[in-house]
PDB file of all heavy atoms in Angstrom:
ATOM      1  N   ALA A   1       2.337 -11.782   6.335  1.00  0.00           N
ATOM      2  CA  ALA A   1       1.250 -10.992   5.736  1.00  0.00           C
ATOM      3  C   ALA A   1       0.872  -9.872   6.702  1.00  0.00           C
ATOM      4  O   ALA A   1       1.208  -9.921   7.894  1.00  0.00           O
ATOM      5  CB  ALA A   1       0.048 -11.872   5.440  1.00  0.00           C
ATOM      6  N   ILE A   2       0.180  -8.870   6.183  1.00  0.00           N
ATOM      7  CA  ILE A   2      -0.335  -7.781   7.013  1.00  0.00           C
ATOM      8  C   ILE A   2      -1.772  -7.484   6.586  1.00  0.00           C
ATOM      9  O   ILE A   2      -2.187  -7.832   5.475  1.00  0.00           O
ATOM     10  CB  ILE A   2       0.532  -6.503   6.919  1.00  0.00           C
ATOM     11  CG1 ILE A   2       0.632  -6.016   5.464  1.00  0.00           C
ATOM     12  CG2 ILE A   2       1.912  -6.737   7.513  1.00  0.00           C
ATOM     13  CD1 ILE A   2       1.389  -4.701   5.305  1.00  0.00           C
ATOM     14  N   ILE A   3      -2.515  -6.841   7.482  1.00  0.00           N
ATOM     15  CA  ILE A   3      -3.904  -6.485   7.197  1.00  0.00           C
ATOM     16  C   ILE A   3      -4.017  -4.965   7.091  1.00  0.00           C
ATOM     17  O   ILE A   3      -3.635  -4.247   8.019  1.00  0.00           O
ATOM     18  CB  ILE A   3      -4.853  -6.993   8.302  1.00  0.00           C
ATOM     19  CG1 ILE A   3      -4.766  -8.511   8.419  1.00  0.00           C
ATOM     20  CG2 ILE A   3      -6.293  -6.575   8.004  1.00  0.00           C
ATOM     21  CD1 ILE A   3      -5.550  -9.086   9.593  1.00  0.00           C
ATOM     22  N   LEU A   4      -4.520  -4.490   5.953  1.00  0.00           N
ATOM     23  CA  LEU A   4      -4.667  -3.052   5.713  1.00  0.00           C
ATOM     24  C   LEU A   4      -6.035  -2.759   5.111  1.00  0.00           C
ATOM     25  O   LEU A   4      -6.548  -3.547   4.300  1.00  0.00           O
ATOM     26  CB  LEU A   4      -3.582  -2.540   4.766  1.00  0.00           C
ATOM     27  CG  LEU A   4      -2.136  -2.534   5.277  1.00  0.00           C
ATOM     28  CD1 LEU A   4      -1.176  -2.247   4.140  1.00  0.00           C
ATOM     29  CD2 LEU A   4      -1.965  -1.505   6.388  1.00  0.00           C
ATOM     30  N   GLU A   5      -6.619  -1.628   5.500  1.00  0.00           N
ATOM     31  CA  GLU A   5      -7.888  -1.195   4.935  1.00  0.00           C
ATOM     32  C   GLU A   5      -7.637  -0.538   3.579  1.00  0.00           C
ATOM     33  O   GLU A   5      -6.533  -0.074   3.295  1.00  0.00           O
ATOM     34  CB  GLU A   5      -8.550  -0.201   5.900  1.00  0.00           C
ATOM     35  CG  GLU A   5     -10.068  -0.185   5.849  1.00  0.00           C
ATOM     36  CD  GLU A   5     -10.606   0.707   4.752  1.00  0.00           C
ATOM     37  OE1 GLU A   5      -9.942   1.710   4.427  1.00  0.00           O
ATOM     38  OE2 GLU A   5     -11.689   0.408   4.226  1.00  0.00           O
ATOM     39  N   ASP A   6      -8.654  -0.505   2.714  1.00  0.00           N
ATOM     40  CA  ASP A   6      -8.512   0.061   1.362  1.00  0.00           C
ATOM     41  C   ASP A   6      -7.859   1.443   1.372  1.00  0.00           C
ATOM     42  O   ASP A   6      -6.961   1.729   0.571  1.00  0.00           O
ATOM     43  CB  ASP A   6      -9.887   0.169   0.690  1.00  0.00           C
ATOM     44  CG  ASP A   6     -10.317  -1.131   0.037  1.00  0.00           C
ATOM     45  OD1 ASP A   6      -9.518  -2.082   0.008  1.00  0.00           O
ATOM     46  OD2 ASP A   6     -11.468  -1.195  -0.438  1.00  0.00           O
ATOM     47  N   ALA A   7      -8.355   2.325   2.251  1.00  0.00           N
ATOM     48  CA  ALA A   7      -7.841   3.696   2.284  1.00  0.00           C
ATOM     49  C   ALA A   7      -6.373   3.732   2.689  1.00  0.00           C
ATOM     50  O   ALA A   7      -5.601   4.559   2.193  1.00  0.00           O
ATOM     51  CB  ALA A   7      -8.681   4.543   3.245  1.00  0.00           C
ATOM     52  N   GLN A   8      -5.969   2.840   3.587  1.00  0.00           N
ATOM     53  CA  GLN A   8      -4.553   2.772   3.990  1.00  0.00           C
ATOM     54  C   GLN A   8      -3.677   2.342   2.818  1.00  0.00           C
ATOM     55  O   GLN A   8      -2.577   2.873   2.624  1.00  0.00           O
ATOM     56  CB  GLN A   8      -4.401   1.811   5.166  1.00  0.00           C
ATOM     57  CG  GLN A   8      -5.096   2.298   6.434  1.00  0.00           C
ATOM     58  CD  GLN A   8      -5.204   1.236   7.508  1.00  0.00           C
ATOM     59  OE1 GLN A   8      -5.235   0.043   7.210  1.00  0.00           O
ATOM     60  NE2 GLN A   8      -5.259   1.669   8.761  1.00  0.00           N
ATOM     61  N   LEU A   9      -4.189   1.421   2.020  1.00  0.00           N
ATOM     62  CA  LEU A   9      -3.456   1.012   0.818  1.00  0.00           C
ATOM     63  C   LEU A   9      -3.334   2.161  -0.179  1.00  0.00           C
ATOM     64  O   LEU A   9      -2.306   2.323  -0.839  1.00  0.00           O
ATOM     65  CB  LEU A   9      -4.152  -0.177   0.155  1.00  0.00           C
ATOM     66  CG  LEU A   9      -3.843  -1.557   0.736  1.00  0.00           C
ATOM     67  CD1 LEU A   9      -4.770  -2.601   0.151  1.00  0.00           C
ATOM     68  CD2 LEU A   9      -2.385  -1.944   0.487  1.00  0.00           C
ATOM     69  N   SER A  10      -4.393   2.979  -0.267  1.00  0.00           N
ATOM     70  CA  SER A  10      -4.357   4.133  -1.172  1.00  0.00           C
ATOM     71  C   SER A  10      -3.284   5.127  -0.739  1.00  0.00           C
ATOM     72  O   SER A  10      -2.606   5.730  -1.582  1.00  0.00           O
ATOM     73  CB  SER A  10      -5.725   4.829  -1.200  1.00  0.00           C
ATOM     74  OG  SER A  10      -6.709   3.971  -1.719  1.00  0.00           O
ATOM     75  N   ILE A  11      -3.126   5.293   0.562  1.00  0.00           N
ATOM     76  CA  ILE A  11      -2.090   6.192   1.074  1.00  0.00           C
ATOM     77  C   ILE A  11      -0.705   5.665   0.713  1.00  0.00           C
ATOM     78  O   ILE A  11       0.177   6.418   0.283  1.00  0.00           O
ATOM     79  CB  ILE A  11      -2.219   6.352   2.609  1.00  0.00           C
ATOM     80  CG1 ILE A  11      -3.529   7.062   2.963  1.00  0.00           C
ATOM     81  CG2 ILE A  11      -1.041   7.144   3.178  1.00  0.00           C
ATOM     82  CD1 ILE A  11      -3.841   7.069   4.437  1.00  0.00           C
ATOM     83  N   ILE A  12      -0.500   4.357   0.875  1.00  0.00           N
ATOM     84  CA  ILE A  12       0.796   3.752   0.526  1.00  0.00           C
ATOM     85  C   ILE A  12       1.080   3.933  -0.966  1.00  0.00           C
ATOM     86  O   ILE A  12       2.197   4.277  -1.361  1.00  0.00           O
ATOM     87  CB  ILE A  12       0.805   2.254   0.902  1.00  0.00           C
ATOM     88  CG1 ILE A  12       0.698   2.093   2.416  1.00  0.00           C
ATOM     89  CG2 ILE A  12       2.074   1.573   0.389  1.00  0.00           C
ATOM     90  CD1 ILE A  12       0.418   0.677   2.864  1.00  0.00           C
ATOM     91  N   GLU A  13       0.053   3.737  -1.791  1.00  0.00           N
ATOM     92  CA  GLU A  13       0.229   3.906  -3.235  1.00  0.00           C
ATOM     93  C   GLU A  13       0.643   5.338  -3.568  1.00  0.00           C
ATOM     94  O   GLU A  13       1.476   5.567  -4.448  1.00  0.00           O
ATOM     95  CB  GLU A  13      -1.063   3.549  -3.961  1.00  0.00           C
ATOM     96  CG  GLU A  13      -0.953   3.639  -5.474  1.00  0.00           C
ATOM     97  CD  GLU A  13      -2.245   3.287  -6.168  1.00  0.00           C
ATOM     98  OE1 GLU A  13      -3.308   3.246  -5.505  1.00  0.00           O
ATOM     99  OE2 GLU A  13      -2.209   3.070  -7.402  1.00  0.00           O
ATOM    100  N   GLU A  14       0.070   6.311  -2.853  1.00  0.00           N
ATOM    101  CA  GLU A  14       0.357   7.718  -3.118  1.00  0.00           C
ATOM    102  C   GLU A  14       1.710   8.143  -2.564  1.00  0.00           C
ATOM    103  O   GLU A  14       2.439   8.897  -3.205  1.00  0.00           O
ATOM    104  CB  GLU A  14      -0.747   8.573  -2.484  1.00  0.00           C
ATOM    105  CG  GLU A  14      -0.614  10.064  -2.771  1.00  0.00           C
ATOM    106  CD  GLU A  14      -1.770  10.850  -2.186  1.00  0.00           C
ATOM    107  OE1 GLU A  14      -2.884  10.785  -2.743  1.00  0.00           O
ATOM    108  OE2 GLU A  14      -1.566  11.522  -1.162  1.00  0.00           O
ATOM    109  N   GLU A  15       2.059   7.643  -1.388  1.00  0.00           N
ATOM    110  CA  GLU A  15       3.262   8.116  -0.698  1.00  0.00           C
ATOM    111  C   GLU A  15       4.491   7.242  -0.917  1.00  0.00           C
ATOM    112  O   GLU A  15       5.622   7.702  -0.734  1.00  0.00           O
ATOM    113  CB  GLU A  15       2.982   8.213   0.817  1.00  0.00           C
ATOM    114  CG  GLU A  15       1.801   9.090   1.195  1.00  0.00           C
ATOM    115  CD  GLU A  15       2.047  10.552   0.904  1.00  0.00           C
ATOM    116  OE1 GLU A  15       3.222  10.925   0.677  1.00  0.00           O
ATOM    117  OE2 GLU A  15       1.071  11.335   0.902  1.00  0.00           O
ATOM    118  N   ASN A  16       4.305   5.964  -1.269  1.00  0.00           N
ATOM    119  CA  ASN A  16       5.451   5.047  -1.372  1.00  0.00           C
ATOM    120  C   ASN A  16       5.193   4.035  -2.486  1.00  0.00           C
ATOM    121  O   ASN A  16       4.959   2.842  -2.237  1.00  0.00           O
ATOM    122  CB  ASN A  16       5.659   4.347  -0.031  1.00  0.00           C
ATOM    123  CG  ASN A  16       6.995   3.639   0.059  1.00  0.00           C
ATOM    124  OD1 ASN A  16       7.641   3.380  -0.952  1.00  0.00           O
ATOM    125  ND2 ASN A  16       7.414   3.308   1.275  1.00  0.00           N
ATOM    126  N   LYS A  17       5.253   4.508  -3.732  1.00  0.00           N
ATOM    127  CA  LYS A  17       4.912   3.657  -4.871  1.00  0.00           C
ATOM    128  C   LYS A  17       5.856   2.466  -5.020  1.00  0.00           C
ATOM    129  O   LYS A  17       5.452   1.388  -5.450  1.00  0.00           O
ATOM    130  CB  LYS A  17       4.917   4.492  -6.161  1.00  0.00           C
ATOM    131  CG  LYS A  17       3.688   5.385  -6.291  1.00  0.00           C
ATOM    132  CD  LYS A  17       3.592   5.990  -7.666  1.00  0.00           C
ATOM    133  CE  LYS A  17       2.307   6.814  -7.795  1.00  0.00           C
ATOM    134  NZ  LYS A  17       2.174   7.416  -9.139  1.00  0.00           N
ATOM    135  N   GLU A  18       7.114   2.669  -4.664  1.00  0.00           N
ATOM    136  CA  GLU A  18       8.099   1.589  -4.797  1.00  0.00           C
ATOM    137  C   GLU A  18       7.700   0.395  -3.933  1.00  0.00           C
ATOM    138  O   GLU A  18       7.740  -0.753  -4.378  1.00  0.00           O
ATOM    139  CB  GLU A  18       9.481   2.102  -4.385  1.00  0.00           C
ATOM    140  CG  GLU A  18      10.592   1.079  -4.594  1.00  0.00           C
ATOM    141  CD  GLU A  18      11.959   1.612  -4.202  1.00  0.00           C
ATOM    142  OE1 GLU A  18      12.100   2.841  -4.054  1.00  0.00           O
ATOM    143  OE2 GLU A  18      12.874   0.790  -4.027  1.00  0.00           O
ATOM    144  N   THR A  19       7.299   0.671  -2.708  1.00  0.00           N
ATOM    145  CA  THR A  19       6.849  -0.403  -1.813  1.00  0.00           C
ATOM    146  C   THR A  19       5.521  -0.976  -2.286  1.00  0.00           C
ATOM    147  O   THR A  19       5.308  -2.204  -2.255  1.00  0.00           O
ATOM    148  CB  THR A  19       6.706   0.121  -0.369  1.00  0.00           C
ATOM    149  OG1 THR A  19       7.988   0.548   0.093  1.00  0.00           O
ATOM    150  CG2 THR A  19       6.170  -0.957   0.558  1.00  0.00           C
ATOM    151  N   TYR A  20       4.626  -0.102  -2.728  1.00  0.00           N
ATOM    152  CA  TYR A  20       3.305  -0.544  -3.157  1.00  0.00           C
ATOM    153  C   TYR A  20       3.400  -1.564  -4.292  1.00  0.00           C
ATOM    154  O   TYR A  20       2.609  -2.519  -4.346  1.00  0.00           O
ATOM    155  CB  TYR A  20       2.476   0.658  -3.601  1.00  0.00           C
ATOM    156  CG  TYR A  20       1.059   0.320  -3.980  1.00  0.00           C
ATOM    157  CD1 TYR A  20       0.087   0.114  -3.006  1.00  0.00           C
ATOM    158  CD2 TYR A  20       0.685   0.191  -5.323  1.00  0.00           C
ATOM    159  CE1 TYR A  20      -1.215  -0.206  -3.345  1.00  0.00           C
ATOM    160  CE2 TYR A  20      -0.613  -0.129  -5.676  1.00  0.00           C
ATOM    161  CZ  TYR A  20      -1.556  -0.333  -4.682  1.00  0.00           C
ATOM    162  OH  TYR A  20      -2.851  -0.659  -5.029  1.00  0.00           O
ATOM    163  N   GLU A  21       4.353  -1.390  -5.166  1.00  0.00           N
ATOM    164  CA  GLU A  21       4.510  -2.309  -6.300  1.00  0.00           C
ATOM    165  C   GLU A  21       5.043  -3.671  -5.883  1.00  0.00           C
ATOM    166  O   GLU A  21       5.002  -4.627  -6.659  1.00  0.00           O
ATOM    167  CB  GLU A  21       5.418  -1.669  -7.349  1.00  0.00           C
ATOM    168  CG  GLU A  21       4.759  -0.496  -8.066  1.00  0.00           C
ATOM    169  CD  GLU A  21       5.716   0.247  -8.989  1.00  0.00           C
ATOM    170  OE1 GLU A  21       6.907  -0.139  -9.020  1.00  0.00           O
ATOM    171  OE2 GLU A  21       5.278   1.198  -9.657  1.00  0.00           O
ATOM    172  N   LYS A  22       5.542  -3.794  -4.653  1.00  0.00           N
ATOM    173  CA  LYS A  22       6.097  -5.064  -4.177  1.00  0.00           C
ATOM    174  C   LYS A  22       5.062  -5.927  -3.457  1.00  0.00           C
ATOM    175  O   LYS A  22       5.342  -7.071  -3.111  1.00  0.00           O
ATOM    176  CB  LYS A  22       7.271  -4.799  -3.221  1.00  0.00           C
ATOM    177  CG  LYS A  22       8.479  -4.151  -3.872  1.00  0.00           C
ATOM    178  CD  LYS A  22       9.571  -3.899  -2.837  1.00  0.00           C
ATOM    179  CE  LYS A  22      10.786  -3.217  -3.478  1.00  0.00           C
ATOM    180  NZ  LYS A  22      11.846  -2.938  -2.480  1.00  0.00           N
ATOM    181  N   ILE A  23       3.878  -5.372  -3.216  1.00  0.00           N
ATOM    182  CA  ILE A  23       2.876  -6.098  -2.444  1.00  0.00           C
ATOM    183  C   ILE A  23       1.649  -6.417  -3.289  1.00  0.00           C
ATOM    184  O   ILE A  23       1.430  -5.833  -4.342  1.00  0.00           O
ATOM    185  CB  ILE A  23       2.454  -5.291  -1.193  1.00  0.00           C
ATOM    186  CG1 ILE A  23       1.852  -3.940  -1.587  1.00  0.00           C
ATOM    187  CG2 ILE A  23       3.639  -5.096  -0.257  1.00  0.00           C
ATOM    188  CD1 ILE A  23       1.363  -3.094  -0.419  1.00  0.00           C
ATOM    189  N   GLU A  24       0.852  -7.374  -2.803  1.00  0.00           N
ATOM    190  CA  GLU A  24      -0.386  -7.729  -3.496  1.00  0.00           C
ATOM    191  C   GLU A  24      -1.434  -8.182  -2.487  1.00  0.00           C
ATOM    192  O   GLU A  24      -1.118  -8.648  -1.386  1.00  0.00           O
ATOM    193  CB  GLU A  24      -0.144  -8.822  -4.527  1.00  0.00           C
ATOM    194  CG  GLU A  24       0.291 -10.150  -3.951  1.00  0.00           C
ATOM    195  CD  GLU A  24       0.474 -11.218  -5.017  1.00  0.00           C
ATOM    196  OE1 GLU A  24       0.027 -10.981  -6.157  1.00  0.00           O
ATOM    197  OE2 GLU A  24       1.035 -12.283  -4.701  1.00  0.00           O
TER     198      GLU A  24
END
């Protein structure tokens, strides 16, 4: 597991959607 802040997750969603869809 990893720890990420909300805004960091938003950046991942914007910049790397393929990876974002693999995590929860």
